[in-house]
Amino acid sequence: MGLLIALVGLTLLTLGRRLFWLFVGCVGFSLGFIYAEGLWSAPSYVISLAIAVLVGLAGALLALFLQRIAIALSGFCAGGFVMV
């Protein structure tokens, strides 16, 4: 998982603003995965992964259609994620 996070981070750093929707999707995926395992106590890893993918896709779609709101929400969530 650590290698995947490093690759996504490197991609976001190099491509920057052109792929901000990817950043929003990755933040949604990360938060969805953590909350699926922690808060909802998902019974299996596959269900946690499915919830994370759905939240990530929802974030990416939000970023494509409502850019200002998505950037604000993802920045807030990423900042909180890093602080925790």
N, C-alpha and C. Protein backbone atom coordinates (compact mmCIF):
# COMPACT_ATOMS: atom_id res chain seq x y z
N MET A 1 0.83 -1.19 0.00
CA MET A 1 0.00 0.00 0.00
C MET A 1 0.87 1.25 0.00
N GLY A 2 2.01 1.20 0.69
CA GLY A 2 2.89 2.36 0.76
C GLY A 2 3.46 2.73 -0.60
N LEU A 3 3.80 1.72 -1.42
CA LEU A 3 4.32 1.98 -2.76
C LEU A 3 3.25 2.63 -3.63
N LEU A 4 2.02 2.17 -3.49
CA LEU A 4 0.92 2.75 -4.25
C LEU A 4 0.71 4.21 -3.89
N ILE A 5 0.76 4.52 -2.62
CA ILE A 5 0.60 5.90 -2.17
C ILE A 5 1.74 6.77 -2.69
N ALA A 6 2.96 6.24 -2.69
CA ALA A 6 4.11 7.00 -3.19
C ALA A 6 3.98 7.25 -4.69
N LEU A 7 3.51 6.27 -5.45
CA LEU A 7 3.33 6.46 -6.89
C LEU A 7 2.25 7.48 -7.21
N VAL A 8 1.15 7.43 -6.47
CA VAL A 8 0.08 8.41 -6.67
C VAL A 8 0.57 9.81 -6.31
N GLY A 9 1.31 9.92 -5.22
CA GLY A 9 1.86 11.22 -4.82
C GLY A 9 2.82 11.78 -5.84
N LEU A 10 3.68 10.93 -6.40
CA LEU A 10 4.61 11.37 -7.43
C LEU A 10 3.88 11.82 -8.69
N THR A 11 2.85 11.10 -9.07
CA THR A 11 2.05 11.47 -10.24
C THR A 11 1.39 12.82 -10.03
N LEU A 12 0.83 13.03 -8.85
CA LEU A 12 0.18 14.30 -8.56
C LEU A 12 1.17 15.46 -8.55
N LEU A 13 2.36 15.21 -8.04
CA LEU A 13 3.37 16.27 -8.02
C LEU A 13 3.83 16.65 -9.42
N THR A 14 3.97 15.68 -10.29
CA THR A 14 4.49 15.98 -11.62
C THR A 14 3.44 16.55 -12.55
N LEU A 15 2.19 16.11 -12.44
CA LEU A 15 1.16 16.56 -13.37
C LEU A 15 0.36 17.75 -12.85
N GLY A 16 0.39 17.97 -11.55
CA GLY A 16 -0.19 19.16 -10.96
C GLY A 16 -1.66 19.42 -11.24
N ARG A 17 -1.93 20.61 -11.67
CA ARG A 17 -3.30 21.09 -11.81
C ARG A 17 -4.11 20.35 -12.86
N ARG A 18 -3.45 19.79 -13.86
CA ARG A 18 -4.18 19.10 -14.91
C ARG A 18 -4.92 17.87 -14.38
N LEU A 19 -4.44 17.30 -13.29
CA LEU A 19 -5.07 16.10 -12.74
C LEU A 19 -5.57 16.31 -11.31
N PHE A 20 -6.12 17.48 -11.03
CA PHE A 20 -6.61 17.71 -9.67
C PHE A 20 -7.75 16.76 -9.33
N TRP A 21 -8.50 16.33 -10.33
CA TRP A 21 -9.59 15.38 -10.08
C TRP A 21 -9.02 14.06 -9.58
N LEU A 22 -7.80 13.71 -9.98
CA LEU A 22 -7.16 12.49 -9.48
C LEU A 22 -6.83 12.65 -8.00
N PHE A 23 -6.37 13.85 -7.63
CA PHE A 23 -6.08 14.13 -6.23
C PHE A 23 -7.34 13.99 -5.39
N VAL A 24 -8.43 14.56 -5.86
CA VAL A 24 -9.69 14.48 -5.13
C VAL A 24 -10.16 13.03 -5.03
N GLY A 25 -10.02 12.27 -6.10
CA GLY A 25 -10.39 10.86 -6.07
C GLY A 25 -9.53 10.05 -5.12
N CYS A 26 -8.23 10.35 -5.08
CA CYS A 26 -7.33 9.63 -4.17
C CYS A 26 -7.63 9.95 -2.71
N VAL A 27 -7.93 11.21 -2.44
CA VAL A 27 -8.31 11.58 -1.07
C VAL A 27 -9.60 10.88 -0.68
N GLY A 28 -10.57 10.85 -1.58
CA GLY A 28 -11.82 10.14 -1.31
C GLY A 28 -11.60 8.65 -1.10
N PHE A 29 -10.73 8.05 -1.90
CA PHE A 29 -10.42 6.63 -1.74
C PHE A 29 -9.79 6.37 -0.38
N SER A 30 -8.81 7.19 -0.01
CA SER A 30 -8.12 6.99 1.27
C SER A 30 -9.08 7.13 2.45
N LEU A 31 -9.88 8.18 2.42
CA LEU A 31 -10.83 8.38 3.52
C LEU A 31 -11.90 7.30 3.54
N GLY A 32 -12.38 6.90 2.37
CA GLY A 32 -13.37 5.83 2.31
C GLY A 32 -12.85 4.53 2.85
N PHE A 33 -11.60 4.21 2.56
CA PHE A 33 -11.01 2.97 3.05
C PHE A 33 -10.83 2.99 4.56
N ILE A 34 -10.36 4.12 5.07
CA ILE A 34 -10.15 4.22 6.52
C ILE A 34 -11.47 4.17 7.27
N TYR A 35 -12.46 4.90 6.79
CA TYR A 35 -13.75 4.89 7.47
C TYR A 35 -14.48 3.56 7.32
N ALA A 36 -14.32 2.90 6.21
CA ALA A 36 -14.97 1.60 6.03
C ALA A 36 -14.42 0.58 7.01
N GLU A 37 -13.12 0.63 7.27
CA GLU A 37 -12.54 -0.31 8.22
C GLU A 37 -12.74 0.11 9.66
N GLY A 38 -12.66 1.41 9.92
CA GLY A 38 -12.72 1.88 11.30
C GLY A 38 -14.11 2.11 11.84
N LEU A 39 -14.89 2.91 11.15
CA LEU A 39 -16.19 3.29 11.68
C LEU A 39 -17.29 2.26 11.42
N TRP A 40 -17.31 1.72 10.20
CA TRP A 40 -18.38 0.81 9.86
C TRP A 40 -18.06 -0.64 10.16
N SER A 41 -16.83 -0.93 10.52
CA SER A 41 -16.39 -2.29 10.81
C SER A 41 -16.81 -3.25 9.71
N ALA A 42 -16.39 -2.94 8.49
CA ALA A 42 -16.73 -3.77 7.33
C ALA A 42 -16.24 -5.19 7.56
N PRO A 43 -17.08 -6.17 7.27
CA PRO A 43 -16.74 -7.56 7.59
C PRO A 43 -15.60 -8.14 6.76
N SER A 44 -15.31 -7.59 5.61
CA SER A 44 -14.22 -8.14 4.82
C SER A 44 -13.44 -7.03 4.13
N TYR A 45 -12.25 -7.39 3.70
CA TYR A 45 -11.38 -6.45 3.01
C TYR A 45 -11.97 -6.02 1.68
N VAL A 46 -12.66 -6.92 1.01
CA VAL A 46 -13.25 -6.62 -0.30
C VAL A 46 -14.34 -5.56 -0.16
N ILE A 47 -15.14 -5.65 0.88
CA ILE A 47 -16.20 -4.65 1.09
C ILE A 47 -15.57 -3.29 1.41
N SER A 48 -14.52 -3.29 2.22
CA SER A 48 -13.83 -2.03 2.51
C SER A 48 -13.25 -1.42 1.25
N LEU A 49 -12.68 -2.25 0.41
CA LEU A 49 -12.12 -1.77 -0.86
C LEU A 49 -13.21 -1.25 -1.78
N ALA A 50 -14.35 -1.93 -1.83
CA ALA A 50 -15.46 -1.49 -2.69
C ALA A 50 -16.01 -0.14 -2.22
N ILE A 51 -16.14 0.04 -0.92
CA ILE A 51 -16.61 1.31 -0.37
C ILE A 51 -15.61 2.41 -0.70
N ALA A 52 -14.32 2.12 -0.57
CA ALA A 52 -13.29 3.10 -0.86
C ALA A 52 -13.30 3.50 -2.33
N VAL A 53 -13.49 2.54 -3.23
CA VAL A 53 -13.54 2.84 -4.65
C VAL A 53 -14.75 3.70 -4.98
N LEU A 54 -15.88 3.40 -4.38
CA LEU A 54 -17.09 4.20 -4.62
C LEU A 54 -16.93 5.63 -4.13
N VAL A 55 -16.34 5.80 -2.95
CA VAL A 55 -16.13 7.15 -2.43
C VAL A 55 -15.11 7.90 -3.29
N GLY A 56 -14.07 7.20 -3.74
CA GLY A 56 -13.09 7.83 -4.63
C GLY A 56 -13.68 8.26 -5.95
N LEU A 57 -14.52 7.41 -6.54
CA LEU A 57 -15.19 7.77 -7.80
C LEU A 57 -16.14 8.94 -7.61
N ALA A 58 -16.85 8.94 -6.49
CA ALA A 58 -17.75 10.06 -6.21
C ALA A 58 -16.96 11.36 -6.08
N GLY A 59 -15.80 11.30 -5.43
CA GLY A 59 -14.95 12.48 -5.30
C GLY A 59 -14.43 12.97 -6.64
N ALA A 60 -14.03 12.03 -7.50
CA ALA A 60 -13.52 12.41 -8.82
C ALA A 60 -14.62 13.03 -9.67
N LEU A 61 -15.82 12.47 -9.61
CA LEU A 61 -16.94 13.05 -10.36
C LEU A 61 -17.31 14.42 -9.81
N LEU A 62 -17.27 14.57 -8.51
CA LEU A 62 -17.52 15.88 -7.90
C LEU A 62 -16.50 16.89 -8.39
N ALA A 63 -15.25 16.46 -8.50
CA ALA A 63 -14.19 17.36 -8.95
C ALA A 63 -14.38 17.79 -10.40
N LEU A 64 -14.92 16.91 -11.22
CA LEU A 64 -15.12 17.26 -12.63
C LEU A 64 -16.26 18.25 -12.82
N PHE A 65 -17.31 18.12 -12.03
CA PHE A 65 -18.50 18.94 -12.25
C PHE A 65 -18.58 20.16 -11.32
N LEU A 66 -18.11 20.04 -10.12
CA LEU A 66 -18.17 21.14 -9.15
C LEU A 66 -16.77 21.42 -8.63
N GLN A 67 -15.96 22.06 -9.45
CA GLN A 67 -14.54 22.18 -9.18
C GLN A 67 -14.21 22.93 -7.89
N ARG A 68 -14.77 24.06 -7.69
CA ARG A 68 -14.42 24.86 -6.50
C ARG A 68 -14.80 24.15 -5.21
N ILE A 69 -15.96 23.56 -5.17
CA ILE A 69 -16.40 22.84 -3.98
C ILE A 69 -15.52 21.62 -3.74
N ALA A 70 -15.20 20.90 -4.79
CA ALA A 70 -14.38 19.69 -4.66
C ALA A 70 -12.97 20.02 -4.18
N ILE A 71 -12.40 21.09 -4.68
CA ILE A 71 -11.05 21.47 -4.25
C ILE A 71 -11.05 21.87 -2.78
N ALA A 72 -12.05 22.61 -2.36
CA ALA A 72 -12.13 23.01 -0.95
C ALA A 72 -12.33 21.80 -0.04
N LEU A 73 -13.24 20.91 -0.41
CA LEU A 73 -13.49 19.73 0.42
C LEU A 73 -12.30 18.79 0.46
N SER A 74 -11.66 18.58 -0.66
CA SER A 74 -10.52 17.66 -0.68
C SER A 74 -9.33 18.25 0.08
N GLY A 75 -9.12 19.54 -0.03
CA GLY A 75 -8.06 20.18 0.76
C GLY A 75 -8.31 20.07 2.24
N PHE A 76 -9.54 20.28 2.64
CA PHE A 76 -9.91 20.15 4.05
C PHE A 76 -9.71 18.72 4.54
N CYS A 77 -10.18 17.75 3.76
CA CYS A 77 -10.06 16.34 4.15
C CYS A 77 -8.59 15.88 4.15
N ALA A 78 -7.82 16.30 3.15
CA ALA A 78 -6.41 15.92 3.10
C ALA A 78 -5.64 16.54 4.27
N GLY A 79 -5.93 17.79 4.58
CA GLY A 79 -5.28 18.42 5.73
C GLY A 79 -5.61 17.73 7.04
N GLY A 80 -6.87 17.38 7.22
CA GLY A 80 -7.26 16.65 8.42
C GLY A 80 -6.65 15.27 8.48
N PHE A 81 -6.56 14.61 7.33
CA PHE A 81 -5.96 13.28 7.23
C PHE A 81 -4.49 13.33 7.63
N VAL A 82 -3.78 14.34 7.14
CA VAL A 82 -2.36 14.47 7.45
C VAL A 82 -2.17 14.81 8.92
N MET A 83 -3.02 15.65 9.47
CA MET A 83 -2.87 16.04 10.88
C MET A 83 -3.15 14.88 11.82
N VAL A 84 -4.04 13.99 11.45
CA VAL A 84 -4.34 12.83 12.31
C VAL A 84 -3.20 11.86 12.22
